[in-house]
């Protein structure tokens, strides 16, 4: 059973001090959602203060906004998604994780992807996108596109979307606004999740 494998991996991760972040965390932030049968993995950047306290990804202001958008588009956080970050520990002052930190955490990230084996990977924000996609294209130019990338020895469908923390700066839902584009991308993801192929 997938969840048993993920639980074992989490226990291993709890003892990790492969980078400096292991010395400053309160909790590892391993995952949320449905490890057994999620059709999509959503990959964020890194835990923030609220995530470090709770051990759960996307629970701060950005997480609440993400939940609203998921609800509006009919995506179930509990059933449809498995939610992880590029690193499992909070970088000090919520800074972007370094390449060294991401590299140290990569074994857990790739193993989670391998175990869950989703139909689609969602790169939530530019840090997640850059972790897998080497072309230097801004997320604003590539969001919503289906990329086929080799990850962990397997070609996978991937979609970049805006990070909800970016959307906190914008409130308009007018056509072409960041929030409208986010809703459009999530509808596309919902259709891919439901596609029986």
Protein backbone atom coordinates (compact mmCIF):
# COMPACT_ATOMS: atom_id res chain seq x y z
CA UNK A 1 0.00 0.00 0.00
CA UNK A 2 1.32 3.41 -1.01
CA UNK A 3 0.53 5.12 2.29
CA UNK A 4 2.62 2.59 4.23
CA UNK A 5 5.63 3.30 1.97
CA UNK A 6 5.09 7.04 2.38
CA UNK A 7 4.85 6.71 6.17
CA UNK A 8 8.15 4.82 6.23
CA UNK A 9 9.75 7.51 4.07
CA UNK A 10 8.39 10.20 6.42
CA UNK A 11 9.91 8.44 9.44
CA UNK A 12 13.24 8.40 7.64
CA UNK A 13 12.89 12.08 6.71
CA UNK A 14 12.19 13.08 10.35
CA UNK A 15 15.81 12.26 11.21
CA UNK A 16 17.32 14.05 8.21
CA UNK A 17 20.03 16.63 8.77
CA UNK A 18 21.48 16.49 5.25
CA UNK A 19 21.47 20.30 5.09
CA UNK A 20 21.45 23.20 7.56
CA UNK A 21 17.64 23.47 7.52
CA UNK A 22 17.47 20.29 9.58
CA UNK A 23 18.97 22.19 12.52
CA UNK A 24 16.46 25.07 12.54
CA UNK A 25 13.12 23.38 11.83
CA UNK A 26 10.34 22.81 14.36
CA UNK A 27 8.75 20.07 12.22
CA UNK A 28 9.42 18.49 8.86
CA UNK A 29 6.61 19.37 6.46
CA UNK A 30 6.28 16.11 4.60
CA UNK A 31 2.92 16.12 2.81
CA UNK A 32 -0.83 16.54 2.87
CA UNK A 33 -3.67 15.05 0.88
CA UNK A 34 -4.20 11.58 -0.53
CA UNK A 35 -1.05 9.48 -0.77
CA UNK A 36 -2.94 6.35 -1.82
CA UNK A 37 -4.87 7.43 -4.89
CA UNK A 38 -4.23 11.10 -5.75
CA UNK A 39 -4.16 11.68 -9.50
CA UNK A 40 -2.07 14.85 -9.12
CA UNK A 41 0.87 15.94 -6.98
CA UNK A 42 1.06 19.64 -6.23
CA UNK A 43 4.62 20.77 -5.52
CA UNK A 44 5.14 24.06 -3.71
CA UNK A 45 8.31 25.96 -2.82
CA UNK A 46 9.11 25.49 0.88
CA UNK A 47 7.37 25.52 4.26
CA UNK A 48 6.68 28.87 5.89
CA UNK A 49 6.20 29.72 9.55
CA UNK A 50 2.69 28.21 9.86
CA UNK A 51 3.76 25.08 8.02
CA UNK A 52 6.82 24.68 10.26
CA UNK A 53 4.56 24.89 13.34
CA UNK A 54 1.92 22.45 12.08
CA UNK A 55 3.95 20.11 9.87
CA UNK A 56 1.37 20.57 7.07
CA UNK A 57 2.01 22.32 3.72
CA UNK A 58 -0.04 25.30 2.57
CA UNK A 59 -1.81 26.25 5.83
CA UNK A 60 -0.94 29.97 5.99
CA UNK A 61 -2.60 32.83 4.07
CA UNK A 62 -1.42 31.46 0.71
CA UNK A 63 -2.72 28.02 1.66
CA UNK A 64 -6.14 29.39 2.55
CA UNK A 65 -6.29 31.13 -0.82
CA UNK A 66 -5.23 27.93 -2.57
CA UNK A 67 -8.05 26.09 -0.78
CA UNK A 68 -10.57 28.68 -2.02
CA UNK A 69 -9.38 28.24 -5.61
CA UNK A 70 -9.45 24.45 -5.36
CA UNK A 71 -13.00 24.60 -4.00
CA UNK A 72 -14.14 26.94 -6.78
CA UNK A 73 -12.84 24.55 -9.42
CA UNK A 74 -14.06 21.33 -7.81
CA UNK A 75 -10.65 19.91 -6.93
CA UNK A 76 -10.60 18.09 -3.59
CA UNK A 77 -7.47 18.79 -1.56
CA UNK A 78 -8.14 15.64 0.50
CA UNK A 79 -8.88 13.24 -2.37
CA UNK A 80 -7.50 14.54 -5.68
CA UNK A 81 -4.14 15.92 -4.55
CA UNK A 82 -0.99 14.89 -2.76
CA UNK A 83 0.75 18.09 -1.65
CA UNK A 84 4.49 18.45 -1.08
CA UNK A 85 7.26 21.08 -1.31
CA UNK A 86 10.68 21.13 -2.96
CA UNK A 87 12.18 21.00 0.57
CA UNK A 88 10.73 19.55 3.78
CA UNK A 89 12.08 22.16 6.25
CA UNK A 90 11.47 25.88 6.52
CA UNK A 91 14.28 28.12 5.26
CA UNK A 92 15.03 30.95 7.74
CA UNK A 93 12.82 34.04 7.26
CA UNK A 94 10.90 32.17 4.52
CA UNK A 95 13.65 32.76 1.97
CA UNK A 96 13.78 30.73 -1.24
CA UNK A 97 15.55 27.38 -0.67
CA UNK A 98 19.06 27.18 -2.11
CA UNK A 99 20.07 24.68 -4.79
CA UNK A 100 22.14 22.86 -2.14
CA UNK A 101 19.10 22.54 0.14
CA UNK A 102 16.90 21.35 -2.72
CA UNK A 103 19.54 18.81 -3.75
CA UNK A 104 19.75 17.48 -0.18
CA UNK A 105 15.97 16.99 -0.14
CA UNK A 106 15.61 15.68 -3.68
CA UNK A 107 15.74 12.00 -2.67
CA UNK A 108 12.53 12.41 -0.64
CA UNK A 109 10.80 14.45 -3.32
CA UNK A 110 11.57 11.96 -6.10
CA UNK A 111 10.62 8.99 -3.91
CA UNK A 112 7.24 10.59 -3.08
CA UNK A 113 6.59 11.11 -6.81
CA UNK A 114 7.62 7.53 -7.57
CA UNK A 115 5.39 6.03 -4.86
CA UNK A 116 2.27 8.11 -5.59
CA UNK A 117 2.88 7.87 -9.37
CA UNK A 118 0.35 10.57 -10.33
CA UNK A 119 -1.10 11.35 -13.77
CA UNK A 120 0.09 14.93 -13.45
CA UNK A 121 2.58 17.04 -11.52
CA UNK A 122 1.59 20.61 -10.71
CA UNK A 123 4.51 23.01 -10.25
CA UNK A 124 3.10 25.64 -7.92
CA UNK A 125 5.26 28.74 -8.41
CA UNK A 126 8.60 29.45 -10.07
CA UNK A 127 10.79 27.70 -7.46
CA UNK A 128 9.00 24.39 -8.06
CA UNK A 129 9.11 24.92 -11.83
CA UNK A 130 12.87 25.68 -11.81
CA UNK A 131 13.51 22.53 -9.77
CA UNK A 132 12.49 20.40 -12.76
CA UNK A 133 12.57 22.66 -15.83
CA UNK A 134 15.91 24.11 -16.88
CA UNK A 135 14.72 26.48 -19.63
CA UNK A 136 14.77 29.99 -18.23
CA UNK A 137 11.20 30.94 -19.11
CA UNK A 138 9.20 33.04 -16.62
CA UNK A 139 6.26 31.20 -15.10
CA UNK A 140 3.94 33.91 -16.45
CA UNK A 141 4.84 32.77 -19.99
CA UNK A 142 4.52 29.03 -19.39
CA UNK A 143 1.78 28.64 -16.78
CA UNK A 144 -1.09 26.42 -17.84
CA UNK A 145 0.99 24.61 -20.48
CA UNK A 146 1.35 20.84 -20.37
CA UNK A 147 5.04 19.95 -20.26
CA UNK A 148 6.30 16.40 -20.73
CA UNK A 149 9.42 16.03 -18.60
CA UNK A 150 11.55 13.09 -17.56
CA UNK A 151 11.41 12.93 -13.76
CA UNK A 152 12.77 9.97 -11.84
CA UNK A 153 13.35 8.00 -15.04
CA UNK A 154 9.77 8.41 -16.30
CA UNK A 155 8.16 10.92 -18.69
CA UNK A 156 5.49 12.80 -16.74
CA UNK A 157 2.85 15.38 -17.60
CA UNK A 158 3.51 18.59 -15.69
CA UNK A 159 1.67 21.92 -15.46
CA UNK A 160 3.12 25.09 -13.93
CA UNK A 161 0.68 27.38 -12.10
CA UNK A 162 1.07 30.60 -10.14
CA UNK A 163 1.90 30.28 -6.45
CA UNK A 164 -1.02 31.50 -4.31
CA UNK A 165 1.32 33.89 -2.42
CA UNK A 166 1.72 35.75 -5.75
CA UNK A 167 -2.06 35.99 -6.06
CA UNK A 168 -2.35 37.62 -2.63
CA UNK A 169 -1.11 40.82 -4.32
CA UNK A 170 -3.88 40.78 -6.92
CA UNK A 171 -7.60 40.82 -6.20
CA UNK A 172 -9.19 41.25 -9.62
CA UNK A 173 -10.94 38.32 -11.29
CA UNK A 174 -11.16 40.14 -14.62
CA UNK A 175 -10.30 38.19 -17.77
CA UNK A 176 -6.52 37.88 -18.07
CA UNK A 177 -5.81 38.76 -14.42
CA UNK A 178 -3.53 36.42 -12.44
CA UNK A 179 -6.49 35.09 -10.41
CA UNK A 180 -8.57 34.47 -13.54
CA UNK A 181 -5.63 32.64 -15.14
CA UNK A 182 -5.19 30.54 -12.00
CA UNK A 183 -8.84 29.48 -12.09
CA UNK A 184 -8.51 28.63 -15.79
CA UNK A 185 -5.40 26.49 -15.12
CA UNK A 186 -7.08 24.66 -12.23
CA UNK A 187 -10.10 23.86 -14.41
CA UNK A 188 -7.69 22.37 -16.96
CA UNK A 189 -6.07 20.32 -14.18
CA UNK A 190 -9.49 19.17 -12.94
CA UNK A 191 -10.31 17.92 -16.45
CA UNK A 192 -6.98 16.07 -16.65
CA UNK A 193 -7.62 14.47 -13.24
CA UNK A 194 -11.06 13.31 -14.40
CA UNK A 195 -9.90 12.12 -17.82
CA UNK A 196 -10.23 8.32 -17.86
CA UNK A 197 -7.26 7.83 -20.23
